[in-house]
Amino acid sequence: IGLIKSLENGFQQKLLDKYDIDRVTMFITHAKESFM
C-alpha cells in the first residue's frame, strides 16, 4: 500500500503540471476506485 501511495503522489505531482487541481483530484479518485 505504501508503494501505491508513492505512485499516487507521483502521478498527482506530475499531472498538476498539465491540469488544474480539480481535474487531477478527479483522476486520482477514479484511479483509486479502479484499483480497488
Full PDB file with SEQRES, HELIX, SHEET, SSBOND, CRYST1, ORIGX, SCALE, CONECT and MASTER records, all heavy atoms in Angstrom:
SEQRES   1 A   36  ILE GLY LEU ILE LYS SER LEU GLU ASN GLY PHE GLN GLN          
SEQRES   2 A   36  LYS LEU LEU ASP LYS TYR ASP ILE ASP ARG VAL THR MET          
SEQRES   3 A   36  PHE ILE THR HIS ALA LYS GLU SER PHE MET                      
HELIX    1 AA1 GLY A    2  LEU A   15  1                                  14    
HELIX    2 AA2 ILE A   21  PHE A   35  1                                  15    
CRYST1    1.000    1.000    1.000  90.00  90.00  90.00 P 1           1          
ORIGX1      1.000000  0.000000  0.000000        0.00000                         
ORIGX2      0.000000  1.000000  0.000000        0.00000                         
ORIGX3      0.000000  0.000000  1.000000        0.00000                         
SCALE1      1.000000  0.000000  0.000000        0.00000                         
SCALE2      0.000000  1.000000  0.000000        0.00000                         
SCALE3      0.000000  0.000000  1.000000        0.00000                         
ATOM      1  N   ILE A   1       0.833  -1.200   0.000  1.00  0.00           N  
ATOM      2  CA  ILE A   1       0.000   0.000   0.000  1.00  0.00           C  
ATOM      3  C   ILE A   1       0.872   1.257   0.000  1.00  0.00           C  
ATOM      4  O   ILE A   1       0.529   2.274  -0.617  1.00  0.00           O  
ATOM      5  CB  ILE A   1      -0.959  -0.001   1.212  1.00  0.00           C  
ATOM      6  CG1 ILE A   1      -1.971  -1.157   1.071  1.00  0.00           C  
ATOM      7  CG2 ILE A   1      -1.698   1.327   1.324  1.00  0.00           C  
ATOM      8  CD1 ILE A   1      -2.795  -1.129  -0.199  1.00  0.00           C  
ATOM      9  N   GLY A   2       2.023   1.177   0.689  1.00  0.00           N  
ATOM     10  CA  GLY A   2       2.942   2.315   0.674  1.00  0.00           C  
ATOM     11  C   GLY A   2       3.451   2.615  -0.729  1.00  0.00           C  
ATOM     12  O   GLY A   2       3.593   3.791  -1.118  1.00  0.00           O  
ATOM     13  N   LEU A   3       3.720   1.573  -1.506  1.00  0.00           N  
ATOM     14  CA  LEU A   3       4.141   1.744  -2.890  1.00  0.00           C  
ATOM     15  C   LEU A   3       3.046   2.425  -3.703  1.00  0.00           C  
ATOM     16  O   LEU A   3       3.317   3.345  -4.487  1.00  0.00           O  
ATOM     17  CB  LEU A   3       4.486   0.383  -3.498  1.00  0.00           C  
ATOM     18  CG  LEU A   3       4.691   0.323  -5.017  1.00  0.00           C  
ATOM     19  CD1 LEU A   3       5.857   1.207  -5.440  1.00  0.00           C  
ATOM     20  CD2 LEU A   3       4.899  -1.118  -5.475  1.00  0.00           C  
ATOM     21  N   ILE A   4       1.806   1.973  -3.517  1.00  0.00           N  
ATOM     22  CA  ILE A   4       0.678   2.561  -4.243  1.00  0.00           C  
ATOM     23  C   ILE A   4       0.538   4.041  -3.882  1.00  0.00           C  
ATOM     24  O   ILE A   4       0.291   4.885  -4.751  1.00  0.00           O  
ATOM     25  CB  ILE A   4      -0.625   1.801  -3.932  1.00  0.00           C  
ATOM     26  CG1 ILE A   4      -0.517   0.346  -4.388  1.00  0.00           C  
ATOM     27  CG2 ILE A   4      -1.814   2.481  -4.594  1.00  0.00           C  
ATOM     28  CD1 ILE A   4      -0.149   0.154  -5.828  1.00  0.00           C  
ATOM     29  N   LYS A   5       0.718   4.363  -2.612  1.00  0.00           N  
ATOM     30  CA  LYS A   5       0.620   5.754  -2.180  1.00  0.00           C  
ATOM     31  C   LYS A   5       1.720   6.593  -2.818  1.00  0.00           C  
ATOM     32  O   LYS A   5       1.476   7.739  -3.230  1.00  0.00           O  
ATOM     33  CB  LYS A   5       0.713   5.825  -0.650  1.00  0.00           C  
ATOM     34  CG  LYS A   5       0.443   7.226  -0.098  1.00  0.00           C  
ATOM     35  CD  LYS A   5      -0.973   7.682  -0.393  1.00  0.00           C  
ATOM     36  CE  LYS A   5      -1.241   9.059   0.188  1.00  0.00           C  
ATOM     37  NZ  LYS A   5      -2.598   9.565  -0.166  1.00  0.00           N  
ATOM     38  N   SER A   6       2.918   6.037  -2.928  1.00  0.00           N  
ATOM     39  CA  SER A   6       4.022   6.762  -3.573  1.00  0.00           C  
ATOM     40  C   SER A   6       3.721   7.013  -5.048  1.00  0.00           C  
ATOM     41  O   SER A   6       3.993   8.102  -5.579  1.00  0.00           O  
ATOM     42  CB  SER A   6       5.324   5.974  -3.438  1.00  0.00           C  
ATOM     43  OG  SER A   6       5.739   5.899  -2.093  1.00  0.00           O  
ATOM     44  N   LEU A   7       3.157   6.002  -5.724  1.00  0.00           N  
ATOM     45  CA  LEU A   7       2.769   6.191  -7.120  1.00  0.00           C  
ATOM     46  C   LEU A   7       1.680   7.249  -7.250  1.00  0.00           C  
ATOM     47  O   LEU A   7       1.736   8.110  -8.137  1.00  0.00           O  
ATOM     48  CB  LEU A   7       2.283   4.867  -7.711  1.00  0.00           C  
ATOM     49  CG  LEU A   7       3.339   3.785  -7.943  1.00  0.00           C  
ATOM     50  CD1 LEU A   7       2.672   2.457  -8.296  1.00  0.00           C  
ATOM     51  CD2 LEU A   7       4.303   4.193  -9.054  1.00  0.00           C  
ATOM     52  N   GLU A   8       0.704   7.173  -6.365  1.00  0.00           N  
ATOM     53  CA  GLU A   8      -0.389   8.151  -6.382  1.00  0.00           C  
ATOM     54  C   GLU A   8       0.147   9.576  -6.227  1.00  0.00           C  
ATOM     55  O   GLU A   8      -0.222  10.481  -6.992  1.00  0.00           O  
ATOM     56  CB  GLU A   8      -1.364   7.833  -5.255  1.00  0.00           C  
ATOM     57  CG  GLU A   8      -2.542   8.781  -5.151  1.00  0.00           C  
ATOM     58  CD  GLU A   8      -3.437   8.440  -3.982  1.00  0.00           C  
ATOM     59  OE1 GLU A   8      -3.987   7.318  -3.960  1.00  0.00           O  
ATOM     60  OE2 GLU A   8      -3.574   9.288  -3.078  1.00  0.00           O  
ATOM     61  N   ASN A   9       1.034   9.768  -5.259  1.00  0.00           N  
ATOM     62  CA  ASN A   9       1.615  11.097  -5.046  1.00  0.00           C  
ATOM     63  C   ASN A   9       2.430  11.539  -6.257  1.00  0.00           C  
ATOM     64  O   ASN A   9       2.409  12.711  -6.646  1.00  0.00           O  
ATOM     65  CB  ASN A   9       2.497  11.087  -3.795  1.00  0.00           C  
ATOM     66  CG  ASN A   9       1.700  10.940  -2.514  1.00  0.00           C  
ATOM     67  OD1 ASN A   9       0.503  11.217  -2.482  1.00  0.00           O  
ATOM     68  ND2 ASN A   9       2.355  10.498  -1.448  1.00  0.00           N  
ATOM     69  N   GLY A  10       3.165  10.583  -6.840  1.00  0.00           N  
ATOM     70  CA  GLY A  10       3.979  10.904  -8.005  1.00  0.00           C  
ATOM     71  C   GLY A  10       3.145  11.345  -9.195  1.00  0.00           C  
ATOM     72  O   GLY A  10       3.456  12.345  -9.859  1.00  0.00           O  
ATOM     73  N   PHE A  11       2.069  10.607  -9.473  1.00  0.00           N  
ATOM     74  CA  PHE A  11       1.182  10.986 -10.573  1.00  0.00           C  
ATOM     75  C   PHE A  11       0.528  12.334 -10.298  1.00  0.00           C  
ATOM     76  O   PHE A  11       0.390  13.167 -11.200  1.00  0.00           O  
ATOM     77  CB  PHE A  11       0.114   9.912 -10.795  1.00  0.00           C  
ATOM     78  CG  PHE A  11       0.560   8.772 -11.658  1.00  0.00           C  
ATOM     79  CD1 PHE A  11       0.799   7.517 -11.121  1.00  0.00           C  
ATOM     80  CD2 PHE A  11       0.758   8.942 -13.020  1.00  0.00           C  
ATOM     81  CE1 PHE A  11       1.221   6.457 -11.911  1.00  0.00           C  
ATOM     82  CE2 PHE A  11       1.172   7.892 -13.826  1.00  0.00           C  
ATOM     83  CZ  PHE A  11       1.409   6.644 -13.269  1.00  0.00           C  
ATOM     84  N   GLN A  12       0.121  12.532  -9.060  1.00  0.00           N  
ATOM     85  CA  GLN A  12      -0.536  13.788  -8.721  1.00  0.00           C  
ATOM     86  C   GLN A  12       0.381  14.980  -8.999  1.00  0.00           C  
ATOM     87  O   GLN A  12      -0.037  15.967  -9.609  1.00  0.00           O  
ATOM     88  CB  GLN A  12      -0.948  13.776  -7.254  1.00  0.00           C  
ATOM     89  CG  GLN A  12      -1.776  14.983  -6.830  1.00  0.00           C  
ATOM     90  CD  GLN A  12      -2.342  14.817  -5.439  1.00  0.00           C  
ATOM     91  OE1 GLN A  12      -1.731  14.243  -4.565  1.00  0.00           O  
ATOM     92  NE2 GLN A  12      -3.539  15.347  -5.223  1.00  0.00           N  
ATOM     93  N   GLN A  13       1.628  14.876  -8.593  1.00  0.00           N  
ATOM     94  CA  GLN A  13       2.569  15.976  -8.806  1.00  0.00           C  
ATOM     95  C   GLN A  13       2.812  16.226 -10.290  1.00  0.00           C  
ATOM     96  O   GLN A  13       2.842  17.372 -10.748  1.00  0.00           O  
ATOM     97  CB  GLN A  13       3.894  15.666  -8.105  1.00  0.00           C  
ATOM     98  CG  GLN A  13       3.735  15.486  -6.616  1.00  0.00           C  
ATOM     99  CD  GLN A  13       4.844  16.198  -5.836  1.00  0.00           C  
ATOM    100  OE1 GLN A  13       5.844  16.643  -6.380  1.00  0.00           O  
ATOM    101  NE2 GLN A  13       4.642  16.284  -4.557  1.00  0.00           N  
ATOM    102  N   LYS A  14       3.006  15.154 -11.061  1.00  0.00           N  
ATOM    103  CA  LYS A  14       3.262  15.314 -12.493  1.00  0.00           C  
ATOM    104  C   LYS A  14       2.038  15.876 -13.225  1.00  0.00           C  
ATOM    105  O   LYS A  14       2.164  16.715 -14.123  1.00  0.00           O  
ATOM    106  CB  LYS A  14       3.656  13.977 -13.121  1.00  0.00           C  
ATOM    107  CG  LYS A  14       4.968  13.389 -12.629  1.00  0.00           C  
ATOM    108  CD  LYS A  14       6.158  14.191 -13.077  1.00  0.00           C  
ATOM    109  CE  LYS A  14       7.457  13.543 -12.627  1.00  0.00           C  
ATOM    110  NZ  LYS A  14       8.643  14.370 -12.981  1.00  0.00           N  
ATOM    111  N   LEU A  15       0.859  15.411 -12.836  1.00  0.00           N  
ATOM    112  CA  LEU A  15      -0.352  15.842 -13.526  1.00  0.00           C  
ATOM    113  C   LEU A  15      -0.712  17.289 -13.228  1.00  0.00           C  
ATOM    114  O   LEU A  15      -1.362  17.951 -14.047  1.00  0.00           O  
ATOM    115  CB  LEU A  15      -1.516  14.914 -13.155  1.00  0.00           C  
ATOM    116  CG  LEU A  15      -1.420  13.505 -13.732  1.00  0.00           C  
ATOM    117  CD1 LEU A  15      -2.497  12.601 -13.130  1.00  0.00           C  
ATOM    118  CD2 LEU A  15      -1.539  13.527 -15.253  1.00  0.00           C  
ATOM    119  N   LEU A  16      -0.278  17.792 -12.082  1.00  0.00           N  
ATOM    120  CA  LEU A  16      -0.542  19.199 -11.756  1.00  0.00           C  
ATOM    121  C   LEU A  16       0.206  20.146 -12.684  1.00  0.00           C  
ATOM    122  O   LEU A  16      -0.129  21.335 -12.767  1.00  0.00           O  
ATOM    123  CB  LEU A  16      -0.170  19.480 -10.296  1.00  0.00           C  
ATOM    124  CG  LEU A  16      -1.179  18.968  -9.253  1.00  0.00           C  
ATOM    125  CD1 LEU A  16      -0.616  19.109  -7.853  1.00  0.00           C  
ATOM    126  CD2 LEU A  16      -2.509  19.702  -9.379  1.00  0.00           C  
ATOM    127  N   ASP A  17       1.197  19.625 -13.399  1.00  0.00           N  
ATOM    128  CA  ASP A  17       1.883  20.437 -14.405  1.00  0.00           C  
ATOM    129  C   ASP A  17       1.061  20.567 -15.679  1.00  0.00           C  
ATOM    130  O   ASP A  17       1.349  21.422 -16.526  1.00  0.00           O  
ATOM    131  CB  ASP A  17       3.242  19.810 -14.763  1.00  0.00           C  
ATOM    132  CG  ASP A  17       4.228  19.854 -13.607  1.00  0.00           C  
ATOM    133  OD1 ASP A  17       4.081  20.729 -12.729  1.00  0.00           O  
ATOM    134  OD2 ASP A  17       5.139  19.010 -13.589  1.00  0.00           O  
ATOM    135  N   LYS A  18       0.022  19.709 -15.816  1.00  0.00           N  
ATOM    136  CA  LYS A  18      -0.772  19.673 -17.043  1.00  0.00           C  
ATOM    137  C   LYS A  18      -2.230  20.081 -16.833  1.00  0.00           C  
ATOM    138  O   LYS A  18      -2.878  20.571 -17.760  1.00  0.00           O  
ATOM    139  CB  LYS A  18      -0.747  18.258 -17.639  1.00  0.00           C  
ATOM    140  CG  LYS A  18       0.635  17.745 -18.038  1.00  0.00           C  
ATOM    141  CD  LYS A  18       0.567  16.304 -18.529  1.00  0.00           C  
ATOM    142  CE  LYS A  18       1.914  15.788 -18.979  1.00  0.00           C  
ATOM    143  NZ  LYS A  18       2.373  16.441 -20.226  1.00  0.00           N  
ATOM    144  N   TYR A  19      -2.759  19.813 -15.627  1.00  0.00           N  
ATOM    145  CA  TYR A  19      -4.181  20.025 -15.375  1.00  0.00           C  
ATOM    146  C   TYR A  19      -4.383  20.806 -14.078  1.00  0.00           C  
ATOM    147  O   TYR A  19      -3.482  20.872 -13.234  1.00  0.00           O  
ATOM    148  CB  TYR A  19      -4.916  18.686 -15.273  1.00  0.00           C  
ATOM    149  CG  TYR A  19      -4.776  17.790 -16.481  1.00  0.00           C  
ATOM    150  CD1 TYR A  19      -3.863  16.734 -16.492  1.00  0.00           C  
ATOM    151  CD2 TYR A  19      -5.564  17.991 -17.614  1.00  0.00           C  
ATOM    152  CE1 TYR A  19      -3.735  15.902 -17.597  1.00  0.00           C  
ATOM    153  CE2 TYR A  19      -5.440  17.158 -18.724  1.00  0.00           C  
ATOM    154  CZ  TYR A  19      -4.527  16.121 -18.708  1.00  0.00           C  
ATOM    155  OH  TYR A  19      -4.397  15.303 -19.802  1.00  0.00           O  
ATOM    156  N   ASP A  20      -5.592  21.348 -13.904  1.00  0.00           N  
ATOM    157  CA  ASP A  20      -5.893  22.056 -12.657  1.00  0.00           C  
ATOM    158  C   ASP A  20      -6.153  21.040 -11.538  1.00  0.00           C  
ATOM    159  O   ASP A  20      -6.373  19.848 -11.797  1.00  0.00           O  
ATOM    160  CB  ASP A  20      -7.097  22.994 -12.835  1.00  0.00           C  
ATOM    161  CG  ASP A  20      -8.385  22.268 -13.199  1.00  0.00           C  
ATOM    162  OD1 ASP A  20      -8.843  21.425 -12.406  1.00  0.00           O  
ATOM    163  OD2 ASP A  20      -8.933  22.545 -14.294  1.00  0.00           O  
ATOM    164  N   ILE A  21      -6.150  21.507 -10.315  1.00  0.00           N  
ATOM    165  CA  ILE A  21      -6.230  20.640  -9.140  1.00  0.00           C  
ATOM    166  C   ILE A  21      -7.523  19.827  -9.107  1.00  0.00           C  
ATOM    167  O   ILE A  21      -7.510  18.658  -8.708  1.00  0.00           O  
ATOM    168  CB  ILE A  21      -6.087  21.466  -7.838  1.00  0.00           C  
ATOM    169  CG1 ILE A  21      -6.080  20.546  -6.607  1.00  0.00           C  
ATOM    170  CG2 ILE A  21      -7.154  22.533  -7.735  1.00  0.00           C  
ATOM    171  CD1 ILE A  21      -4.914  19.606  -6.525  1.00  0.00           C  
ATOM    172  N   ASP A  22      -8.626  20.420  -9.542  1.00  0.00           N  
ATOM    173  CA  ASP A  22      -9.901  19.689  -9.509  1.00  0.00           C  
ATOM    174  C   ASP A  22      -9.877  18.493 -10.456  1.00  0.00           C  
ATOM    175  O   ASP A  22     -10.355  17.405 -10.111  1.00  0.00           O  
ATOM    176  CB  ASP A  22     -11.065  20.620  -9.890  1.00  0.00           C  
ATOM    177  CG  ASP A  22     -11.350  21.663  -8.828  1.00  0.00           C  
ATOM    178  OD1 ASP A  22     -10.961  21.423  -7.659  1.00  0.00           O  
ATOM    179  OD2 ASP A  22     -11.951  22.701  -9.144  1.00  0.00           O  
ATOM    180  N   ARG A  23      -9.293  18.693 -11.621  1.00  0.00           N  
ATOM    181  CA  ARG A  23      -9.258  17.596 -12.589  1.00  0.00           C  
ATOM    182  C   ARG A  23      -8.292  16.509 -12.121  1.00  0.00           C  
ATOM    183  O   ARG A  23      -8.558  15.316 -12.263  1.00  0.00           O  
ATOM    184  CB  ARG A  23      -8.845  18.113 -13.962  1.00  0.00           C  
ATOM    185  CG  ARG A  23      -9.216  17.137 -15.079  1.00  0.00           C  
ATOM    186  CD  ARG A  23      -9.135  17.782 -16.419  1.00  0.00           C  
ATOM    187  NE  ARG A  23      -9.693  16.911 -17.438  1.00  0.00           N  
ATOM    188  CZ  ARG A  23      -9.505  17.089 -18.740  1.00  0.00           C  
ATOM    189  NH1 ARG A  23      -8.778  18.115 -19.159  1.00  0.00           N  
ATOM    190  NH2 ARG A  23     -10.047  16.274 -19.613  1.00  0.00           N  
ATOM    191  N   VAL A  24      -7.168  16.920 -11.550  1.00  0.00           N  
ATOM    192  CA  VAL A  24      -6.205  15.939 -11.046  1.00  0.00           C  
ATOM    193  C   VAL A  24      -6.820  15.140  -9.908  1.00  0.00           C  
ATOM    194  O   VAL A  24      -6.658  13.907  -9.834  1.00  0.00           O  
ATOM    195  CB  VAL A  24      -4.909  16.639 -10.583  1.00  0.00           C  
ATOM    196  CG1 VAL A  24      -3.996  15.648  -9.864  1.00  0.00           C  
ATOM    197  CG2 VAL A  24      -4.181  17.255 -11.779  1.00  0.00           C  
ATOM    198  N   THR A  25      -7.544  15.815  -9.029  1.00  0.00           N  
ATOM    199  CA  THR A  25      -8.223  15.124  -7.923  1.00  0.00           C  
ATOM    200  C   THR A  25      -9.211  14.097  -8.458  1.00  0.00           C  
ATOM    201  O   THR A  25      -9.314  12.984  -7.935  1.00  0.00           O  
ATOM    202  CB  THR A  25      -8.955  16.136  -7.020  1.00  0.00           C  
ATOM    203  OG1 THR A  25      -7.997  17.051  -6.476  1.00  0.00           O  
ATOM    204  CG2 THR A  25      -9.677  15.422  -5.881  1.00  0.00           C  
ATOM    205  N   MET A  26      -9.914  14.449  -9.524  1.00  0.00           N  
ATOM    206  CA  MET A  26     -10.858  13.520 -10.143  1.00  0.00           C  
ATOM    207  C   MET A  26     -10.124  12.299 -10.704  1.00  0.00           C  
ATOM    208  O   MET A  26     -10.545  11.155 -10.493  1.00  0.00           O  
ATOM    209  CB  MET A  26     -11.622  14.213 -11.268  1.00  0.00           C  
ATOM    210  CG  MET A  26     -12.638  13.316 -11.978  1.00  0.00           C  
ATOM    211  SD  MET A  26     -13.260  14.049 -13.505  1.00  0.00           S  
ATOM    212  CE  MET A  26     -11.801  13.954 -14.563  1.00  0.00           C  
ATOM    213  N   PHE A  27      -8.990  12.538 -11.390  1.00  0.00           N  
ATOM    214  CA  PHE A  27      -8.200  11.424 -11.931  1.00  0.00           C  
ATOM    215  C   PHE A  27      -7.772  10.474 -10.810  1.00  0.00           C  
ATOM    216  O   PHE A  27      -7.905   9.248 -10.928  1.00  0.00           O  
ATOM    217  CB  PHE A  27      -6.938  11.948 -12.627  1.00  0.00           C  
ATOM    218  CG  PHE A  27      -7.171  12.647 -13.932  1.00  0.00           C  
ATOM    219  CD1 PHE A  27      -6.312  13.666 -14.345  1.00  0.00           C  
ATOM    220  CD2 PHE A  27      -8.233  12.305 -14.762  1.00  0.00           C  
ATOM    221  CE1 PHE A  27      -6.506  14.315 -15.552  1.00  0.00           C  
ATOM    222  CE2 PHE A  27      -8.436  12.950 -15.970  1.00  0.00           C  
ATOM    223  CZ  PHE A  27      -7.565  13.966 -16.369  1.00  0.00           C  
ATOM    224  N   ILE A  28      -7.244  11.039  -9.737  1.00  0.00           N  
ATOM    225  CA  ILE A  28      -6.713  10.230  -8.642  1.00  0.00           C  
ATOM    226  C   ILE A  28      -7.832   9.466  -7.937  1.00  0.00           C  
ATOM    227  O   ILE A  28      -7.680   8.276  -7.605  1.00  0.00           O  
ATOM    228  CB  ILE A  28      -5.955  11.109  -7.628  1.00  0.00           C  
ATOM    229  CG1 ILE A  28      -4.731  11.759  -8.292  1.00  0.00           C  
ATOM    230  CG2 ILE A  28      -5.541  10.301  -6.408  1.00  0.00           C  
ATOM    231  CD1 ILE A  28      -3.690  10.799  -8.808  1.00  0.00           C  
ATOM    232  N   THR A  29      -8.966  10.111  -7.750  1.00  0.00           N  
ATOM    233  CA  THR A  29     -10.112   9.461  -7.094  1.00  0.00           C  
ATOM    234  C   THR A  29     -10.601   8.274  -7.913  1.00  0.00           C  
ATOM    235  O   THR A  29     -10.810   7.172  -7.382  1.00  0.00           O  
ATOM    236  CB  THR A  29     -11.264  10.468  -6.886  1.00  0.00           C  
ATOM    237  OG1 THR A  29     -10.809  11.526  -6.041  1.00  0.00           O  
ATOM    238  CG2 THR A  29     -12.467   9.779  -6.245  1.00  0.00           C  
ATOM    239  N   HIS A  30     -10.768   8.483  -9.217  1.00  0.00           N  
ATOM    240  CA  HIS A  30     -11.238   7.397 -10.078  1.00  0.00           C  
ATOM    241  C   HIS A  30     -10.191   6.287 -10.193  1.00  0.00           C  
ATOM    242  O   HIS A  30     -10.533   5.103 -10.295  1.00  0.00           O  
ATOM    243  CB  HIS A  30     -11.596   7.930 -11.460  1.00  0.00           C  
ATOM    244  CG  HIS A  30     -12.871   8.710 -11.509  1.00  0.00           C  
ATOM    245  ND1 HIS A  30     -14.050   8.232 -10.983  1.00  0.00           N  
ATOM    246  CD2 HIS A  30     -13.167   9.937 -12.018  1.00  0.00           C  
ATOM    247  CE1 HIS A  30     -15.019   9.118 -11.166  1.00  0.00           C  
ATOM    248  NE2 HIS A  30     -14.507  10.171 -11.788  1.00  0.00           N  
ATOM    249  N   ALA A  31      -8.916   6.659 -10.158  1.00  0.00           N  
ATOM    250  CA  ALA A  31      -7.854   5.652 -10.218  1.00  0.00           C  
ATOM    251  C   ALA A  31      -7.897   4.754  -8.985  1.00  0.00           C  
ATOM    252  O   ALA A  31      -7.707   3.533  -9.087  1.00  0.00           O  
ATOM    253  CB  ALA A  31      -6.493   6.330 -10.327  1.00  0.00           C  
ATOM    254  N   LYS A  32      -8.148   5.350  -7.820  1.00  0.00           N  
ATOM    255  CA  LYS A  32      -8.275   4.563  -6.588  1.00  0.00           C  
ATOM    256  C   LYS A  32      -9.438   3.583  -6.697  1.00  0.00           C  
ATOM    257  O   LYS A  32      -9.321   2.411  -6.334  1.00  0.00           O  
ATOM    258  CB  LYS A  32      -8.522   5.482  -5.383  1.00  0.00           C  
ATOM    259  CG  LYS A  32      -7.329   6.255  -4.894  1.00  0.00           C  
ATOM    260  CD  LYS A  32      -7.752   7.100  -3.694  1.00  0.00           C  
ATOM    261  CE  LYS A  32      -6.627   7.950  -3.183  1.00  0.00           C  
ATOM    262  NZ  LYS A  32      -7.062   8.816  -2.056  1.00  0.00           N  
ATOM    263  N   GLU A  33     -10.553   4.077  -7.202  1.00  0.00           N  
ATOM    264  CA  GLU A  33     -11.739   3.230  -7.343  1.00  0.00           C  
ATOM    265  C   GLU A  33     -11.463   2.084  -8.322  1.00  0.00           C  
ATOM    266  O   GLU A  33     -11.863   0.934  -8.079  1.00  0.00           O  
ATOM    267  CB  GLU A  33     -12.925   4.071  -7.819  1.00  0.00           C  
ATOM    268  CG  GLU A  33     -13.396   5.095  -6.787  1.00  0.00           C  
ATOM    269  CD  GLU A  33     -14.411   6.079  -7.358  1.00  0.00           C  
ATOM    270  OE1 GLU A  33     -14.658   6.039  -8.587  1.00  0.00           O  
ATOM    271  OE2 GLU A  33     -14.944   6.887  -6.579  1.00  0.00           O  
ATOM    272  N   SER A  34     -10.781   2.397  -9.421  1.00  0.00           N  
ATOM    273  CA  SER A  34     -10.446   1.362 -10.402  1.00  0.00           C  
ATOM    274  C   SER A  34      -9.525   0.320  -9.793  1.00  0.00           C  
ATOM    275  O   SER A  34      -9.700  -0.885 -10.002  1.00  0.00           O  
ATOM    276  CB  SER A  34      -9.770   1.991 -11.630  1.00  0.00           C  
ATOM    277  OG  SER A  34     -10.664   2.806 -12.336  1.00  0.00           O  
ATOM    278  N   PHE A  35      -8.531   0.781  -9.032  1.00  0.00           N  
ATOM    279  CA  PHE A  35      -7.591  -0.144  -8.406  1.00  0.00           C  
ATOM    280  C   PHE A  35      -8.320  -1.092  -7.468  1.00  0.00           C  
ATOM    281  O   PHE A  35      -8.068  -2.316  -7.482  1.00  0.00           O  
ATOM    282  CB  PHE A  35      -6.517   0.635  -7.651  1.00  0.00           C  
ATOM    283  CG  PHE A  35      -5.541  -0.237  -6.897  1.00  0.00           C  
ATOM    284  CD1 PHE A  35      -4.702  -1.106  -7.573  1.00  0.00           C  
ATOM    285  CD2 PHE A  35      -5.465  -0.186  -5.511  1.00  0.00           C  
ATOM    286  CE1 PHE A  35      -3.798  -1.922  -6.881  1.00  0.00           C  
ATOM    287  CE2 PHE A  35      -4.567  -0.981  -4.811  1.00  0.00           C  
ATOM    288  CZ  PHE A  35      -3.741  -1.857  -5.505  1.00  0.00           C  
ATOM    289  N   MET A  36      -9.235  -0.584  -6.680  1.00  0.00           N  
ATOM    290  CA  MET A  36      -9.980  -1.433  -5.746  1.00  0.00           C  
ATOM    291  C   MET A  36     -10.817  -2.471  -6.495  1.00  0.00           C  
ATOM    292  O   MET A  36     -10.943  -3.618  -6.039  1.00  0.00           O  
ATOM    293  CB  MET A  36     -10.879  -0.568  -4.850  1.00  0.00           C  
ATOM    294  CG  MET A  36     -10.115   0.363  -3.918  1.00  0.00           C  
ATOM    295  SD  MET A  36      -8.907  -0.501  -2.870  1.00  0.00           S  
ATOM    296  CE  MET A  36     -10.003  -1.524  -1.891  1.00  0.00           C  
TER     297      MET A  36                                                      
MASTER        0    0    0    2    0    0    0    6  296    1    0    3          
END                                                                             
